[in-house]
């Protein structure tokens, strides 16, 4: 079993529906206006986005948690998108299929906000 890293992703209802259609094993392709897929490195940051942004814009927000092979993730430098704990990985949309292939297990919904 490979060593994994836990990542979180805040999601709105539409993105979560697409994840469900993929059996909770992959992230759906990005839209044209979404050139980057950005999972985050801590649960608190994901909660803030889901609660404060997704609820306001989509009526609901979800925090997902999933594992990715650590060795694979080394290609994506950690991006500090704000404060000390606002850390993301920036995965180019064209690499999302390969990223999905390195997810270990299922994508879990761990928090829900309305």
Protein backbone atom coordinates (compact mmCIF):
# COMPACT_ATOMS: atom_id res chain seq x y z
CA UNK A 1 0.00 0.00 0.00
CA UNK A 2 1.51 3.37 -0.98
CA UNK A 3 1.99 6.16 1.54
CA UNK A 4 -0.84 8.68 1.16
CA UNK A 5 -1.52 12.31 1.95
CA UNK A 6 -4.91 13.47 3.17
CA UNK A 7 -6.43 16.30 1.14
CA UNK A 8 -9.70 18.19 1.49
CA UNK A 9 -11.86 19.83 -1.13
CA UNK A 10 -14.77 22.21 -0.51
CA UNK A 11 -17.53 21.55 -3.03
CA UNK A 12 -20.91 22.88 -3.98
CA UNK A 13 -23.92 20.66 -4.64
CA UNK A 14 -23.33 20.35 -8.39
CA UNK A 15 -19.70 19.27 -8.07
CA UNK A 16 -20.64 16.80 -5.33
CA UNK A 17 -23.38 15.33 -7.56
CA UNK A 18 -20.78 14.75 -10.28
CA UNK A 19 -18.40 13.11 -7.76
CA UNK A 20 -21.27 10.81 -6.72
CA UNK A 21 -21.86 9.89 -10.38
CA UNK A 22 -18.17 8.90 -10.54
CA UNK A 23 -18.66 6.54 -7.57
CA UNK A 24 -16.86 8.87 -5.13
CA UNK A 25 -13.58 7.78 -6.76
CA UNK A 26 -12.71 10.79 -8.95
CA UNK A 27 -13.18 14.51 -9.50
CA UNK A 28 -15.11 15.62 -12.58
CA UNK A 29 -13.38 17.49 -15.42
CA UNK A 30 -12.97 21.22 -14.91
CA UNK A 31 -15.17 23.66 -16.79
CA UNK A 32 -13.53 25.82 -19.45
CA UNK A 33 -13.30 28.74 -17.01
CA UNK A 34 -11.65 26.50 -14.36
CA UNK A 35 -8.06 25.87 -15.50
CA UNK A 36 -6.95 24.68 -12.05
CA UNK A 37 -8.24 22.04 -9.63
CA UNK A 38 -7.24 23.01 -6.13
CA UNK A 39 -7.49 20.58 -3.25
CA UNK A 40 -6.52 22.10 0.10
CA UNK A 41 -4.14 20.84 2.77
CA UNK A 42 -6.18 21.41 5.91
CA UNK A 43 -9.70 20.77 7.02
CA UNK A 44 -10.24 24.17 8.65
CA UNK A 45 -9.55 26.02 5.39
CA UNK A 46 -11.92 23.69 3.50
CA UNK A 47 -14.63 24.28 6.11
CA UNK A 48 -14.29 28.06 5.77
CA UNK A 49 -14.68 27.91 1.98
CA UNK A 50 -17.63 25.48 2.07
CA UNK A 51 -19.44 27.34 4.85
CA UNK A 52 -18.68 30.94 3.88
CA UNK A 53 -18.48 30.79 0.07
CA UNK A 54 -20.30 27.71 -1.25
CA UNK A 55 -23.37 28.24 0.95
CA UNK A 56 -23.64 31.88 -0.16
CA UNK A 57 -23.20 31.06 -3.87
CA UNK A 58 -24.74 27.58 -4.17
CA UNK A 59 -27.10 27.26 -1.18
CA UNK A 60 -25.01 24.43 0.29
CA UNK A 61 -21.38 23.57 0.87
CA UNK A 62 -19.66 20.28 1.49
CA UNK A 63 -16.20 19.38 2.73
CA UNK A 64 -14.72 16.24 1.26
CA UNK A 65 -11.68 14.30 2.42
CA UNK A 66 -9.62 11.93 0.30
CA UNK A 67 -6.22 10.27 0.11
CA UNK A 68 -3.71 10.64 -2.72
CA UNK A 69 -0.40 8.85 -3.20
CA UNK A 70 2.20 11.08 -1.53
CA UNK A 71 4.93 10.36 -4.08
CA UNK A 72 2.66 11.54 -6.92
CA UNK A 73 1.80 14.79 -5.09
CA UNK A 74 5.45 15.87 -5.00
CA UNK A 75 5.05 17.32 -8.49
CA UNK A 76 2.68 20.00 -7.12
CA UNK A 77 4.36 22.59 -4.88
CA UNK A 78 2.27 23.79 -1.96
CA UNK A 79 0.75 27.19 -2.72
CA UNK A 80 0.10 29.64 0.09
CA UNK A 81 -3.09 31.39 -1.02
CA UNK A 82 -3.34 33.77 1.91
CA UNK A 83 -2.55 33.28 5.58
CA UNK A 84 -0.20 30.70 7.07
CA UNK A 85 -2.81 27.92 7.00
CA UNK A 86 -4.37 28.75 3.62
CA UNK A 87 -2.52 26.08 1.66
CA UNK A 88 -3.54 24.54 -1.66
CA UNK A 89 -2.21 22.36 -4.42
CA UNK A 90 -2.75 23.67 -7.94
CA UNK A 91 -3.43 20.83 -10.34
CA UNK A 92 -3.75 21.93 -13.99
CA UNK A 93 -7.09 20.83 -15.45
CA UNK A 94 -5.35 18.77 -18.14
CA UNK A 95 -3.67 16.67 -15.40
CA UNK A 96 -6.86 15.89 -13.47
CA UNK A 97 -7.35 12.41 -14.98
CA UNK A 98 -3.85 11.44 -13.89
CA UNK A 99 -4.45 13.02 -10.45
CA UNK A 100 -7.68 10.98 -10.12
CA UNK A 101 -5.75 7.79 -10.96
CA UNK A 102 -3.65 8.36 -7.82
CA UNK A 103 -6.58 8.75 -5.40
CA UNK A 104 -6.55 5.87 -2.93
CA UNK A 105 -9.99 4.78 -1.71
CA UNK A 106 -13.10 6.91 -1.88
CA UNK A 107 -13.81 10.61 -1.60
CA UNK A 108 -15.76 11.09 1.64
CA UNK A 109 -18.13 13.91 2.62
CA UNK A 110 -17.11 14.93 6.15
CA UNK A 111 -19.06 18.19 6.64
CA UNK A 112 -22.21 19.70 5.20
CA UNK A 113 -23.45 23.30 5.46
CA UNK A 114 -26.74 24.92 4.40
